[in-house]
Amino acid sequence: MSNEEKYQAAFVESFSVEESPFDTSVEYNSIEAWDSIGHMELIANLEDAFDISMEIDDIVDFSSYEKGKEILKKYEVEI
């Protein structure tokens, strides 16, 4: 499974959204499931998928699908 697939799978699993076609414009609170609890579930799924531990500032800044890709680069995860 590619990093892109792992990344999308974390969103699909965390928010119970359709896998295909996946809406890459999704942002925090743009879907009902991406609330504060859903956000922490997403972070936990991403940390597990990529074997990383995100810093608090990065967790707070993780506000969209695209922003998340930028943040993961900091942890040497290329999407």
N, C-alpha and C. Protein backbone atom coordinates (compact mmCIF):
# COMPACT_ATOMS: atom_id res chain seq x y z
N MET A 1 0.85 -1.18 0.00
CA MET A 1 0.00 0.00 0.00
C MET A 1 0.90 1.24 0.00
N SER A 2 0.61 2.15 -0.91
CA SER A 2 1.41 3.38 -1.01
C SER A 2 1.07 4.34 0.14
N ASN A 3 1.92 5.33 0.33
CA ASN A 3 1.66 6.33 1.36
C ASN A 3 0.36 7.09 1.09
N GLU A 4 0.09 7.37 -0.19
CA GLU A 4 -1.16 8.05 -0.56
C GLU A 4 -2.36 7.19 -0.16
N GLU A 5 -2.28 5.90 -0.40
CA GLU A 5 -3.37 4.99 -0.03
C GLU A 5 -3.54 4.91 1.48
N LYS A 6 -2.43 4.85 2.20
CA LYS A 6 -2.49 4.83 3.67
C LYS A 6 -3.12 6.12 4.20
N TYR A 7 -2.73 7.23 3.60
CA TYR A 7 -3.23 8.54 4.01
C TYR A 7 -4.75 8.62 3.81
N GLN A 8 -5.19 8.25 2.62
CA GLN A 8 -6.63 8.27 2.34
C GLN A 8 -7.38 7.29 3.22
N ALA A 9 -6.80 6.12 3.46
CA ALA A 9 -7.45 5.11 4.30
C ALA A 9 -7.68 5.63 5.71
N ALA A 10 -6.76 6.44 6.22
CA ALA A 10 -6.93 7.02 7.56
C ALA A 10 -8.15 7.93 7.59
N PHE A 11 -8.34 8.71 6.54
CA PHE A 11 -9.52 9.59 6.45
C PHE A 11 -10.80 8.77 6.33
N VAL A 12 -10.77 7.78 5.46
CA VAL A 12 -11.95 6.94 5.22
C VAL A 12 -12.35 6.24 6.52
N GLU A 13 -11.38 5.67 7.21
CA GLU A 13 -11.65 4.95 8.46
C GLU A 13 -12.11 5.89 9.56
N SER A 14 -11.47 7.03 9.69
CA SER A 14 -11.79 7.96 10.77
C SER A 14 -13.16 8.61 10.61
N PHE A 15 -13.52 8.90 9.37
CA PHE A 15 -14.73 9.68 9.13
C PHE A 15 -15.84 8.90 8.44
N SER A 16 -15.60 7.62 8.16
CA SER A 16 -16.60 6.78 7.48
C SER A 16 -17.13 7.44 6.21
N VAL A 17 -16.20 7.90 5.38
CA VAL A 17 -16.56 8.52 4.10
C VAL A 17 -16.25 7.54 2.97
N GLU A 18 -16.79 7.82 1.80
CA GLU A 18 -16.55 6.94 0.66
C GLU A 18 -15.10 7.02 0.22
N GLU A 19 -14.58 5.86 -0.14
CA GLU A 19 -13.18 5.79 -0.56
C GLU A 19 -12.99 6.32 -1.97
N SER A 20 -13.97 6.10 -2.83
CA SER A 20 -13.81 6.53 -4.21
C SER A 20 -15.11 7.13 -4.73
N PRO A 21 -15.10 8.29 -5.31
CA PRO A 21 -13.95 9.19 -5.39
C PRO A 21 -13.76 9.92 -4.07
N PHE A 22 -12.53 10.03 -3.63
CA PHE A 22 -12.24 10.68 -2.36
C PHE A 22 -12.09 12.18 -2.57
N ASP A 23 -12.77 12.95 -1.74
CA ASP A 23 -12.75 14.41 -1.84
C ASP A 23 -11.52 14.96 -1.12
N THR A 24 -10.50 15.33 -1.87
CA THR A 24 -9.25 15.81 -1.28
C THR A 24 -9.34 17.27 -0.82
N SER A 25 -10.49 17.90 -1.00
CA SER A 25 -10.66 19.28 -0.53
C SER A 25 -11.24 19.32 0.88
N VAL A 26 -11.38 18.17 1.52
CA VAL A 26 -11.98 18.10 2.85
C VAL A 26 -11.16 18.90 3.86
N GLU A 27 -11.88 19.62 4.72
CA GLU A 27 -11.26 20.43 5.77
C GLU A 27 -11.94 20.17 7.10
N TYR A 28 -11.27 20.55 8.17
CA TYR A 28 -11.82 20.41 9.52
C TYR A 28 -13.20 21.05 9.57
N ASN A 29 -14.16 20.33 10.11
CA ASN A 29 -15.56 20.74 10.24
C ASN A 29 -16.30 20.87 8.91
N SER A 30 -15.69 20.48 7.79
CA SER A 30 -16.41 20.53 6.51
C SER A 30 -17.33 19.31 6.36
N ILE A 31 -17.05 18.28 7.13
CA ILE A 31 -17.94 17.14 7.21
C ILE A 31 -18.25 16.91 8.68
N GLU A 32 -19.43 16.39 8.94
CA GLU A 32 -19.90 16.24 10.32
C GLU A 32 -18.94 15.42 11.18
N ALA A 33 -18.37 14.37 10.62
CA ALA A 33 -17.51 13.47 11.39
C ALA A 33 -16.17 14.10 11.78
N TRP A 34 -15.76 15.17 11.07
CA TRP A 34 -14.47 15.79 11.41
C TRP A 34 -14.69 16.89 12.44
N ASP A 35 -15.01 16.44 13.63
CA ASP A 35 -15.12 17.32 14.78
C ASP A 35 -13.90 17.06 15.65
N SER A 36 -13.90 17.53 16.89
CA SER A 36 -12.70 17.37 17.73
C SER A 36 -12.39 15.90 18.01
N ILE A 37 -13.41 15.09 18.21
CA ILE A 37 -13.18 13.66 18.47
C ILE A 37 -12.70 12.97 17.20
N GLY A 38 -13.34 13.26 16.08
CA GLY A 38 -12.91 12.69 14.80
C GLY A 38 -11.49 13.10 14.46
N HIS A 39 -11.14 14.33 14.83
CA HIS A 39 -9.79 14.83 14.56
C HIS A 39 -8.75 13.98 15.29
N MET A 40 -9.01 13.69 16.55
CA MET A 40 -8.05 12.90 17.31
C MET A 40 -7.99 11.45 16.80
N GLU A 41 -9.12 10.93 16.33
CA GLU A 41 -9.11 9.60 15.74
C GLU A 41 -8.27 9.59 14.46
N LEU A 42 -8.42 10.63 13.65
CA LEU A 42 -7.62 10.74 12.44
C LEU A 42 -6.13 10.79 12.78
N ILE A 43 -5.76 11.62 13.73
CA ILE A 43 -4.35 11.73 14.12
C ILE A 43 -3.82 10.38 14.60
N ALA A 44 -4.59 9.69 15.43
CA ALA A 44 -4.16 8.38 15.93
C ALA A 44 -3.99 7.40 14.78
N ASN A 45 -4.91 7.40 13.82
CA ASN A 45 -4.80 6.50 12.67
C ASN A 45 -3.58 6.82 11.82
N LEU A 46 -3.29 8.10 11.64
CA LEU A 46 -2.12 8.50 10.87
C LEU A 46 -0.83 8.13 11.59
N GLU A 47 -0.79 8.36 12.89
CA GLU A 47 0.41 8.00 13.66
C GLU A 47 0.66 6.50 13.58
N ASP A 48 -0.40 5.70 13.66
CA ASP A 48 -0.25 4.25 13.54
C ASP A 48 0.19 3.84 12.14
N ALA A 49 -0.43 4.43 11.12
CA ALA A 49 -0.14 4.06 9.73
C ALA A 49 1.30 4.36 9.34
N PHE A 50 1.83 5.47 9.86
CA PHE A 50 3.16 5.89 9.45
C PHE A 50 4.22 5.75 10.55
N ASP A 51 3.82 5.16 11.67
CA ASP A 51 4.73 4.92 12.79
C ASP A 51 5.45 6.21 13.20
N ILE A 52 4.65 7.25 13.45
CA ILE A 52 5.18 8.54 13.87
C ILE A 52 4.44 9.00 15.11
N SER A 53 4.95 10.05 15.73
CA SER A 53 4.28 10.70 16.86
C SER A 53 4.32 12.20 16.58
N MET A 54 3.16 12.77 16.32
CA MET A 54 3.08 14.19 15.95
C MET A 54 3.16 15.09 17.17
N GLU A 55 3.76 16.24 16.96
CA GLU A 55 3.83 17.26 18.00
C GLU A 55 2.47 17.95 18.11
N ILE A 56 2.18 18.49 19.29
CA ILE A 56 0.90 19.16 19.54
C ILE A 56 0.62 20.25 18.51
N ASP A 57 1.61 21.08 18.21
CA ASP A 57 1.40 22.18 17.24
C ASP A 57 0.97 21.63 15.88
N ASP A 58 1.53 20.49 15.47
CA ASP A 58 1.17 19.91 14.19
C ASP A 58 -0.25 19.34 14.22
N ILE A 59 -0.62 18.77 15.35
CA ILE A 59 -1.98 18.23 15.50
C ILE A 59 -3.00 19.37 15.39
N VAL A 60 -2.71 20.49 16.02
CA VAL A 60 -3.60 21.65 15.98
C VAL A 60 -3.66 22.23 14.56
N ASP A 61 -2.52 22.29 13.89
CA ASP A 61 -2.44 22.88 12.55
C ASP A 61 -3.01 21.98 11.45
N PHE A 62 -3.26 20.72 11.75
CA PHE A 62 -3.75 19.76 10.77
C PHE A 62 -5.23 20.07 10.48
N SER A 63 -5.45 20.99 9.54
CA SER A 63 -6.80 21.52 9.32
C SER A 63 -7.44 21.12 8.00
N SER A 64 -6.71 20.41 7.16
CA SER A 64 -7.27 19.99 5.88
C SER A 64 -6.46 18.82 5.33
N TYR A 65 -7.00 18.20 4.32
CA TYR A 65 -6.32 17.08 3.65
C TYR A 65 -4.96 17.55 3.13
N GLU A 66 -4.95 18.69 2.45
CA GLU A 66 -3.71 19.20 1.86
C GLU A 66 -2.72 19.66 2.93
N LYS A 67 -3.19 20.33 3.96
CA LYS A 67 -2.32 20.79 5.05
C LYS A 67 -1.68 19.58 5.74
N GLY A 68 -2.44 18.51 5.88
CA GLY A 68 -1.91 17.30 6.49
C GLY A 68 -0.74 16.72 5.71
N LYS A 69 -0.83 16.78 4.39
CA LYS A 69 0.28 16.29 3.57
C LYS A 69 1.54 17.11 3.82
N GLU A 70 1.38 18.42 3.97
CA GLU A 70 2.53 19.29 4.28
C GLU A 70 3.13 18.93 5.64
N ILE A 71 2.26 18.73 6.61
CA ILE A 71 2.73 18.41 7.97
C ILE A 71 3.47 17.08 7.99
N LEU A 72 2.96 16.09 7.28
CA LEU A 72 3.60 14.78 7.29
C LEU A 72 5.00 14.81 6.68
N LYS A 73 5.27 15.75 5.78
CA LYS A 73 6.62 15.89 5.23
C LYS A 73 7.64 16.15 6.33
N LYS A 74 7.22 16.86 7.36
CA LYS A 74 8.09 17.15 8.51
C LYS A 74 8.56 15.86 9.18
N TYR A 75 7.75 14.81 9.06
CA TYR A 75 8.05 13.51 9.66
C TYR A 75 8.59 12.53 8.62
N GLU A 76 9.06 13.09 7.50
CA GLU A 76 9.66 12.32 6.41
C GLU A 76 8.69 11.34 5.78
N VAL A 77 7.42 11.73 5.74
CA VAL A 77 6.39 10.93 5.07
C VAL A 77 5.97 11.70 3.82
N GLU A 78 6.30 11.16 2.68
CA GLU A 78 5.96 11.78 1.40
C GLU A 78 4.66 11.18 0.87
N ILE A 79 3.71 12.03 0.59
CA ILE A 79 2.42 11.58 0.06
C ILE A 79 2.38 11.93 -1.43
